[in-house]
Amino acid sequence: MNTPNSQITIYGADWCAFCHEAMRYLDKLNVAYIYKNVDLNSDDAKTVVEKSGQTGIPVIDMDGEIIVGFDRPKIDSTLKAKKLL
């Protein structure tokens, strides 16, 4: 659900299976997010490193809380803590 005013941003790439899993999971929960493809935008790729300290994807920014990878328990707890779910 690519929504411009979302508090959640997923940094990923088209070839990344875990990126697609993260997006499908948020879609299933009806949680809006912005998707940024790091392969298409070098500034977004740099942002991933700045936010996470590494180059792995997906990197999910939930209102300032950074989650690296498709960590469902961390996603669930952060959504609840940030009152985004």
PDB file of N, CA and C in Angstrom:
ATOM      1  N   MET A   1       0.862  -1.162   0.000  1.00  0.00           N
ATOM      2  CA  MET A   1       0.000   0.000   0.000  1.00  0.00           C
ATOM      3  C   MET A   1       0.909   1.226   0.000  1.00  0.00           C
ATOM      4  N   ASN A   2       1.144   1.760  -1.127  1.00  0.00           N
ATOM      5  CA  ASN A   2       2.076   2.871  -1.264  1.00  0.00           C
ATOM      6  C   ASN A   2       1.319   4.176  -1.042  1.00  0.00           C
ATOM      7  N   THR A   3       1.479   4.749   0.158  1.00  0.00           N
ATOM      8  CA  THR A   3       0.759   5.956   0.537  1.00  0.00           C
ATOM      9  C   THR A   3       1.748   7.068   0.862  1.00  0.00           C
ATOM     10  N   PRO A   4       1.660   8.210   0.185  1.00  0.00           N
ATOM     11  CA  PRO A   4       2.654   9.263   0.353  1.00  0.00           C
ATOM     12  C   PRO A   4       2.777   9.819   1.770  1.00  0.00           C
ATOM     13  N   ASN A   5       1.724   9.794   2.571  1.00  0.00           N
ATOM     14  CA  ASN A   5       1.774  10.374   3.912  1.00  0.00           C
ATOM     15  C   ASN A   5       2.053   9.348   4.997  1.00  0.00           C
ATOM     16  N   SER A   6       2.473   8.172   4.606  1.00  0.00           N
ATOM     17  CA  SER A   6       2.699   7.100   5.562  1.00  0.00           C
ATOM     18  C   SER A   6       3.865   7.407   6.493  1.00  0.00           C
ATOM     19  N   GLN A   7       3.803   6.839   7.701  1.00  0.00           N
ATOM     20  CA  GLN A   7       4.886   6.948   8.659  1.00  0.00           C
ATOM     21  C   GLN A   7       5.843   5.761   8.535  1.00  0.00           C
ATOM     22  N   ILE A   8       5.594   4.890   7.561  1.00  0.00           N
ATOM     23  CA  ILE A   8       6.416   3.702   7.368  1.00  0.00           C
ATOM     24  C   ILE A   8       7.017   3.748   5.969  1.00  0.00           C
ATOM     25  N   THR A   9       8.331   3.505   5.895  1.00  0.00           N
ATOM     26  CA  THR A   9       9.009   3.415   4.613  1.00  0.00           C
ATOM     27  C   THR A   9       9.751   2.095   4.560  1.00  0.00           C
ATOM     28  N   ILE A  10       9.568   1.372   3.460  1.00  0.00           N
ATOM     29  CA  ILE A  10      10.315   0.146   3.214  1.00  0.00           C
ATOM     30  C   ILE A  10      11.324   0.437   2.119  1.00  0.00           C
ATOM     31  N   TYR A  11      12.587   0.237   2.447  1.00  0.00           N
ATOM     32  CA  TYR A  11      13.665   0.361   1.459  1.00  0.00           C
ATOM     33  C   TYR A  11      13.981  -1.047   0.999  1.00  0.00           C
ATOM     34  N   GLY A  12      13.876  -1.284  -0.307  1.00  0.00           N
ATOM     35  CA  GLY A  12      14.099  -2.625  -0.822  1.00  0.00           C
ATOM     36  C   GLY A  12      14.500  -2.602  -2.279  1.00  0.00           C
ATOM     37  N   ALA A  13      14.330  -3.760  -2.918  1.00  0.00           N
ATOM     38  CA  ALA A  13      14.648  -3.913  -4.340  1.00  0.00           C
ATOM     39  C   ALA A  13      13.710  -4.965  -4.923  1.00  0.00           C
ATOM     40  N   ASP A  14      13.482  -4.871  -6.222  1.00  0.00           N
ATOM     41  CA  ASP A  14      12.550  -5.786  -6.883  1.00  0.00           C
ATOM     42  C   ASP A  14      12.967  -7.249  -6.752  1.00  0.00           C
ATOM     43  N   TRP A  15      14.274  -7.518  -6.712  1.00  0.00           N
ATOM     44  CA  TRP A  15      14.783  -8.887  -6.651  1.00  0.00           C
ATOM     45  C   TRP A  15      14.768  -9.477  -5.241  1.00  0.00           C
ATOM     46  N   CYS A  16      14.433  -8.685  -4.234  1.00  0.00           N
ATOM     47  CA  CYS A  16      14.535  -9.085  -2.820  1.00  0.00           C
ATOM     48  C   CYS A  16      13.245  -9.755  -2.342  1.00  0.00           C
ATOM     49  N   ALA A  17      13.313 -11.072  -2.134  1.00  0.00           N
ATOM     50  CA  ALA A  17      12.132 -11.827  -1.692  1.00  0.00           C
ATOM     51  C   ALA A  17      11.636 -11.353  -0.330  1.00  0.00           C
ATOM     52  N   PHE A  18      12.548 -11.057   0.604  1.00  0.00           N
ATOM     53  CA  PHE A  18      12.121 -10.621   1.929  1.00  0.00           C
ATOM     54  C   PHE A  18      11.483  -9.234   1.892  1.00  0.00           C
ATOM     55  N   CYS A  19      11.884  -8.414   0.949  1.00  0.00           N
ATOM     56  CA  CYS A  19      11.246  -7.104   0.764  1.00  0.00           C
ATOM     57  C   CYS A  19       9.786  -7.297   0.357  1.00  0.00           C
ATOM     58  N   HIS A  20       9.559  -8.213  -0.577  1.00  0.00           N
ATOM     59  CA  HIS A  20       8.189  -8.495  -1.030  1.00  0.00           C
ATOM     60  C   HIS A  20       7.363  -9.103   0.096  1.00  0.00           C
ATOM     61  N   GLU A  21       7.984  -9.963   0.913  1.00  0.00           N
ATOM     62  CA  GLU A  21       7.275 -10.544   2.059  1.00  0.00           C
ATOM     63  C   GLU A  21       6.850  -9.448   3.032  1.00  0.00           C
ATOM     64  N   ALA A  22       7.740  -8.513   3.303  1.00  0.00           N
ATOM     65  CA  ALA A  22       7.420  -7.409   4.218  1.00  0.00           C
ATOM     66  C   ALA A  22       6.256  -6.583   3.678  1.00  0.00           C
ATOM     67  N   MET A  23       6.290  -6.282   2.382  1.00  0.00           N
ATOM     68  CA  MET A  23       5.203  -5.496   1.789  1.00  0.00           C
ATOM     69  C   MET A  23       3.889  -6.271   1.806  1.00  0.00           C
ATOM     70  N   ARG A  24       3.940  -7.561   1.474  1.00  0.00           N
ATOM     71  CA  ARG A  24       2.720  -8.386   1.514  1.00  0.00           C
ATOM     72  C   ARG A  24       2.145  -8.440   2.924  1.00  0.00           C
ATOM     73  N   TYR A  25       3.032  -8.561   3.911  1.00  0.00           N
ATOM     74  CA  TYR A  25       2.586  -8.635   5.294  1.00  0.00           C
ATOM     75  C   TYR A  25       1.877  -7.337   5.704  1.00  0.00           C
ATOM     76  N   LEU A  26       2.470  -6.193   5.398  1.00  0.00           N
ATOM     77  CA  LEU A  26       1.828  -4.918   5.741  1.00  0.00           C
ATOM     78  C   LEU A  26       0.539  -4.722   4.954  1.00  0.00           C
ATOM     79  N   ASP A  27       0.520  -5.159   3.694  1.00  0.00           N
ATOM     80  CA  ASP A  27      -0.714  -5.097   2.904  1.00  0.00           C
ATOM     81  C   ASP A  27      -1.817  -5.915   3.581  1.00  0.00           C
ATOM     82  N   LYS A  28      -1.455  -7.113   4.050  1.00  0.00           N
ATOM     83  CA  LYS A  28      -2.421  -7.998   4.711  1.00  0.00           C
ATOM     84  C   LYS A  28      -2.991  -7.334   5.965  1.00  0.00           C
ATOM     85  N   LEU A  29      -2.159  -6.567   6.657  1.00  0.00           N
ATOM     86  CA  LEU A  29      -2.601  -5.870   7.867  1.00  0.00           C
ATOM     87  C   LEU A  29      -3.282  -4.537   7.561  1.00  0.00           C
ATOM     88  N   ASN A  30      -3.350  -4.165   6.277  1.00  0.00           N
ATOM     89  CA  ASN A  30      -3.907  -2.867   5.864  1.00  0.00           C
ATOM     90  C   ASN A  30      -3.129  -1.699   6.462  1.00  0.00           C
ATOM     91  N   VAL A  31      -1.811  -1.842   6.503  1.00  0.00           N
ATOM     92  CA  VAL A  31      -0.935  -0.792   7.021  1.00  0.00           C
ATOM     93  C   VAL A  31      -0.280  -0.095   5.824  1.00  0.00           C
ATOM     94  N   ALA A  32      -0.448   1.211   5.757  1.00  0.00           N
ATOM     95  CA  ALA A  32       0.098   1.985   4.642  1.00  0.00           C
ATOM     96  C   ALA A  32       1.604   2.151   4.805  1.00  0.00           C
ATOM     97  N   TYR A  33       2.301   2.187   3.675  1.00  0.00           N
ATOM     98  CA  TYR A  33       3.751   2.385   3.678  1.00  0.00           C
ATOM     99  C   TYR A  33       4.175   3.006   2.358  1.00  0.00           C
ATOM    100  N   ILE A  34       5.390   3.512   2.352  1.00  0.00           N
ATOM    101  CA  ILE A  34       6.017   4.006   1.128  1.00  0.00           C
ATOM    102  C   ILE A  34       7.124   3.021   0.787  1.00  0.00           C
ATOM    103  N   TYR A  35       7.204   2.610  -0.466  1.00  0.00           N
ATOM    104  CA  TYR A  35       8.262   1.701  -0.919  1.00  0.00           C
ATOM    105  C   TYR A  35       9.284   2.502  -1.704  1.00  0.00           C
ATOM    106  N   LYS A  36      10.552   2.340  -1.340  1.00  0.00           N
ATOM    107  CA  LYS A  36      11.634   3.001  -2.065  1.00  0.00           C
ATOM    108  C   LYS A  36      12.599   1.934  -2.563  1.00  0.00           C
ATOM    109  N   ASN A  37      12.775   1.896  -3.877  1.00  0.00           N
ATOM    110  CA  ASN A  37      13.640   0.910  -4.517  1.00  0.00           C
ATOM    111  C   ASN A  37      15.076   1.433  -4.529  1.00  0.00           C
ATOM    112  N   VAL A  38      15.947   0.787  -3.746  1.00  0.00           N
ATOM    113  CA  VAL A  38      17.330   1.268  -3.624  1.00  0.00           C
ATOM    114  C   VAL A  38      18.138   1.037  -4.894  1.00  0.00           C
ATOM    115  N   ASP A  39      17.680   0.120  -5.759  1.00  0.00           N
ATOM    116  CA  ASP A  39      18.374  -0.096  -7.032  1.00  0.00           C
ATOM    117  C   ASP A  39      18.137   1.044  -8.017  1.00  0.00           C
ATOM    118  N   LEU A  40      17.036   1.749  -7.853  1.00  0.00           N
ATOM    119  CA  LEU A  40      16.679   2.816  -8.784  1.00  0.00           C
ATOM    120  C   LEU A  40      17.089   4.205  -8.305  1.00  0.00           C
ATOM    121  N   ASN A  41      17.450   4.317  -7.018  1.00  0.00           N
ATOM    122  CA  ASN A  41      17.765   5.634  -6.483  1.00  0.00           C
ATOM    123  C   ASN A  41      18.952   5.521  -5.529  1.00  0.00           C
ATOM    124  N   SER A  42      20.093   6.059  -5.930  1.00  0.00           N
ATOM    125  CA  SER A  42      21.306   5.956  -5.111  1.00  0.00           C
ATOM    126  C   SER A  42      21.172   6.714  -3.793  1.00  0.00           C
ATOM    127  N   ASP A  43      20.365   7.769  -3.761  1.00  0.00           N
ATOM    128  CA  ASP A  43      20.137   8.483  -2.503  1.00  0.00           C
ATOM    129  C   ASP A  43      19.416   7.586  -1.495  1.00  0.00           C
ATOM    130  N   ASP A  44      18.451   6.794  -1.979  1.00  0.00           N
ATOM    131  CA  ASP A  44      17.754   5.861  -1.095  1.00  0.00           C
ATOM    132  C   ASP A  44      18.707   4.768  -0.609  1.00  0.00           C
ATOM    133  N   ALA A  45      19.611   4.315  -1.467  1.00  0.00           N
ATOM    134  CA  ALA A  45      20.608   3.314  -1.065  1.00  0.00           C
ATOM    135  C   ALA A  45      21.518   3.883   0.035  1.00  0.00           C
ATOM    136  N   LYS A  46      21.905   5.134  -0.096  1.00  0.00           N
ATOM    137  CA  LYS A  46      22.725   5.780   0.940  1.00  0.00           C
ATOM    138  C   LYS A  46      21.941   5.923   2.236  1.00  0.00           C
ATOM    139  N   THR A  47      20.662   6.242   2.119  1.00  0.00           N
ATOM    140  CA  THR A  47      19.811   6.388   3.303  1.00  0.00           C
ATOM    141  C   THR A  47      19.738   5.085   4.081  1.00  0.00           C
ATOM    142  N   VAL A  48      19.674   3.953   3.369  1.00  0.00           N
ATOM    143  CA  VAL A  48      19.643   2.641   4.026  1.00  0.00           C
ATOM    144  C   VAL A  48      20.863   2.473   4.923  1.00  0.00           C
ATOM    145  N   VAL A  49      22.029   2.795   4.398  1.00  0.00           N
ATOM    146  CA  VAL A  49      23.266   2.657   5.170  1.00  0.00           C
ATOM    147  C   VAL A  49      23.266   3.619   6.361  1.00  0.00           C
ATOM    148  N   GLU A  50      22.813   4.846   6.135  1.00  0.00           N
ATOM    149  CA  GLU A  50      22.763   5.832   7.224  1.00  0.00           C
ATOM    150  C   GLU A  50      21.812   5.393   8.338  1.00  0.00           C
ATOM    151  N   LYS A  51      20.660   4.848   7.960  1.00  0.00           N
ATOM    152  CA  LYS A  51      19.651   4.474   8.953  1.00  0.00           C
ATOM    153  C   LYS A  51      19.992   3.172   9.670  1.00  0.00           C
ATOM    154  N   SER A  52      20.580   2.215   8.931  1.00  0.00           N
ATOM    155  CA  SER A  52      20.767   0.879   9.496  1.00  0.00           C
ATOM    156  C   SER A  52      22.221   0.528   9.810  1.00  0.00           C
ATOM    157  N   GLY A  53      23.159   1.264   9.231  1.00  0.00           N
ATOM    158  CA  GLY A  53      24.561   0.962   9.445  1.00  0.00           C
ATOM    159  C   GLY A  53      25.078  -0.188   8.595  1.00  0.00           C
ATOM    160  N   GLN A  54      24.277  -0.643   7.651  1.00  0.00           N
ATOM    161  CA  GLN A  54      24.696  -1.733   6.761  1.00  0.00           C
ATOM    162  C   GLN A  54      23.929  -1.642   5.447  1.00  0.00           C
ATOM    163  N   THR A  55      24.207  -2.563   4.521  1.00  0.00           N
ATOM    164  CA  THR A  55      23.602  -2.476   3.189  1.00  0.00           C
ATOM    165  C   THR A  55      22.498  -3.501   2.949  1.00  0.00           C
ATOM    166  N   GLY A  56      22.196  -4.344   3.921  1.00  0.00           N
ATOM    167  CA  GLY A  56      21.161  -5.361   3.738  1.00  0.00           C
ATOM    168  C   GLY A  56      19.776  -4.751   3.640  1.00  0.00           C
ATOM    169  N   ILE A  57      18.907  -5.416   2.911  1.00  0.00           N
ATOM    170  CA  ILE A  57      17.515  -4.992   2.772  1.00  0.00           C
ATOM    171  C   ILE A  57      16.613  -6.191   3.033  1.00  0.00           C
ATOM    172  N   PRO A  58      15.377  -5.978   3.386  1.00  0.00           N
ATOM    173  CA  PRO A  58      14.721  -4.687   3.532  1.00  0.00           C
ATOM    174  C   PRO A  58      15.163  -3.961   4.803  1.00  0.00           C
ATOM    175  N   VAL A  59      15.059  -2.651   4.731  1.00  0.00           N
ATOM    176  CA  VAL A  59      15.164  -1.798   5.906  1.00  0.00           C
ATOM    177  C   VAL A  59      13.815  -1.105   6.018  1.00  0.00           C
ATOM    178  N   ILE A  60      13.191  -1.265   7.163  1.00  0.00           N
ATOM    179  CA  ILE A  60      11.863  -0.702   7.394  1.00  0.00           C
ATOM    180  C   ILE A  60      11.988   0.385   8.450  1.00  0.00           C
ATOM    181  N   ASP A  61      11.590   1.588   8.079  1.00  0.00           N
ATOM    182  CA  ASP A  61      11.603   2.723   8.993  1.00  0.00           C
ATOM    183  C   ASP A  61      10.167   2.972   9.425  1.00  0.00           C
ATOM    184  N   MET A  62       9.880   2.663  10.694  1.00  0.00           N
ATOM    185  CA  MET A  62       8.542   2.873  11.245  1.00  0.00           C
ATOM    186  C   MET A  62       8.595   4.061  12.187  1.00  0.00           C
ATOM    187  N   ASP A  63       8.352   5.236  11.648  1.00  0.00           N
ATOM    188  CA  ASP A  63       8.315   6.451  12.457  1.00  0.00           C
ATOM    189  C   ASP A  63       9.588   6.579  13.290  1.00  0.00           C
ATOM    190  N   GLY A  64      10.747   6.309  12.645  1.00  0.00           N
ATOM    191  CA  GLY A  64      12.032   6.459  13.310  1.00  0.00           C
ATOM    192  C   GLY A  64      12.600   5.186  13.900  1.00  0.00           C
ATOM    193  N   GLU A  65      11.803   4.151  14.054  1.00  0.00           N
ATOM    194  CA  GLU A  65      12.279   2.842  14.535  1.00  0.00           C
ATOM    195  C   GLU A  65      12.737   2.048  13.314  1.00  0.00           C
ATOM    196  N   ILE A  66      13.993   1.625  13.308  1.00  0.00           N
ATOM    197  CA  ILE A  66      14.565   0.938  12.151  1.00  0.00           C
ATOM    198  C   ILE A  66      14.555  -0.568  12.379  1.00  0.00           C
ATOM    199  N   ILE A  67      14.000  -1.281  11.427  1.00  0.00           N
ATOM    200  CA  ILE A  67      13.972  -2.747  11.455  1.00  0.00           C
ATOM    201  C   ILE A  67      14.706  -3.233  10.221  1.00  0.00           C
ATOM    202  N   VAL A  68      15.706  -4.076  10.440  1.00  0.00           N
ATOM    203  CA  VAL A  68      16.473  -4.637   9.326  1.00  0.00           C
ATOM    204  C   VAL A  68      15.986  -6.057   9.076  1.00  0.00           C
ATOM    205  N   GLY A  69      15.607  -6.318   7.831  1.00  0.00           N
ATOM    206  CA  GLY A  69      15.109  -7.642   7.469  1.00  0.00           C
ATOM    207  C   GLY A  69      13.619  -7.758   7.721  1.00  0.00           C
ATOM    208  N   PHE A  70      13.074  -8.907   7.339  1.00  0.00           N
ATOM    209  CA  PHE A  70      11.648  -9.165   7.563  1.00  0.00           C
ATOM    210  C   PHE A  70      11.514  -9.883   8.903  1.00  0.00           C
ATOM    211  N   ASP A  71      11.502  -9.088   9.963  1.00  0.00           N
ATOM    212  CA  ASP A  71      11.423  -9.574  11.342  1.00  0.00           C
ATOM    213  C   ASP A  71       9.984  -9.365  11.817  1.00  0.00           C
ATOM    214  N   ARG A  72       9.144 -10.362  11.559  1.00  0.00           N
ATOM    215  CA  ARG A  72       7.708 -10.217  11.836  1.00  0.00           C
ATOM    216  C   ARG A  72       7.416  -9.861  13.296  1.00  0.00           C
ATOM    217  N   PRO A  73       8.029 -10.537  14.286  1.00  0.00           N
ATOM    218  CA  PRO A  73       7.739 -10.148  15.678  1.00  0.00           C
ATOM    219  C   PRO A  73       8.117  -8.694  15.983  1.00  0.00           C
ATOM    220  N   LYS A  74       9.237  -8.243  15.442  1.00  0.00           N
ATOM    221  CA  LYS A  74       9.663  -6.848  15.659  1.00  0.00           C
ATOM    222  C   LYS A  74       8.710  -5.890  14.937  1.00  0.00           C
ATOM    223  N   ILE A  75       8.281  -6.262  13.736  1.00  0.00           N
ATOM    224  CA  ILE A  75       7.310  -5.436  13.001  1.00  0.00           C
ATOM    225  C   ILE A  75       6.022  -5.310  13.809  1.00  0.00           C
ATOM    226  N   ASP A  76       5.519  -6.444  14.302  1.00  0.00           N
ATOM    227  CA  ASP A  76       4.268  -6.429  15.076  1.00  0.00           C
ATOM    228  C   ASP A  76       4.394  -5.575  16.334  1.00  0.00           C
ATOM    229  N   SER A  77       5.477  -5.769  17.083  1.00  0.00           N
ATOM    230  CA  SER A  77       5.627  -5.018  18.339  1.00  0.00           C
ATOM    231  C   SER A  77       5.817  -3.522  18.072  1.00  0.00           C
ATOM    232  N   THR A  78       6.522  -3.182  17.001  1.00  0.00           N
ATOM    233  CA  THR A  78       6.732  -1.767  16.679  1.00  0.00           C
ATOM    234  C   THR A  78       5.432  -1.122  16.203  1.00  0.00           C
ATOM    235  N   LEU A  79       4.660  -1.834  15.385  1.00  0.00           N
ATOM    236  CA  LEU A  79       3.367  -1.309  14.943  1.00  0.00           C
ATOM    237  C   LEU A  79       2.477  -0.995  16.144  1.00  0.00           C
ATOM    238  N   LYS A  80       2.456  -1.907  17.106  1.00  0.00           N
ATOM    239  CA  LYS A  80       1.616  -1.708  18.299  1.00  0.00           C
ATOM    240  C   LYS A  80       2.170  -0.580  19.153  1.00  0.00           C
ATOM    241  N   ALA A  81       3.483  -0.547  19.381  1.00  0.00           N
ATOM    242  CA  ALA A  81       4.090   0.479  20.232  1.00  0.00           C
ATOM    243  C   ALA A  81       3.905   1.880  19.643  1.00  0.00           C
ATOM    244  N   LYS A  82       3.980   1.992  18.316  1.00  0.00           N
ATOM    245  CA  LYS A  82       3.835   3.284  17.634  1.00  0.00           C
ATOM    246  C   LYS A  82       2.373   3.611  17.333  1.00  0.00           C
ATOM    247  N   LYS A  83       1.475   2.687  17.715  1.00  0.00           N
ATOM    248  CA  LYS A  83       0.036   2.844  17.459  1.00  0.00           C
ATOM    249  C   LYS A  83      -0.259   3.026  15.963  1.00  0.00           C
ATOM    250  N   LEU A  84       0.453   2.237  15.162  1.00  0.00           N
ATOM    251  CA  LEU A  84       0.258   2.281  13.703  1.00  0.00           C
ATOM    252  C   LEU A  84      -0.643   1.143  13.234  1.00  0.00           C
ATOM    253  N   LEU A  85      -1.060   0.304  14.154  1.00  0.00           N
ATOM    254  CA  LEU A  85      -1.913  -0.841  13.800  1.00  0.00           C
ATOM    255  C   LEU A  85      -3.194  -0.777  14.584  1.00  0.00           C
TER     256      LEU A  85
END
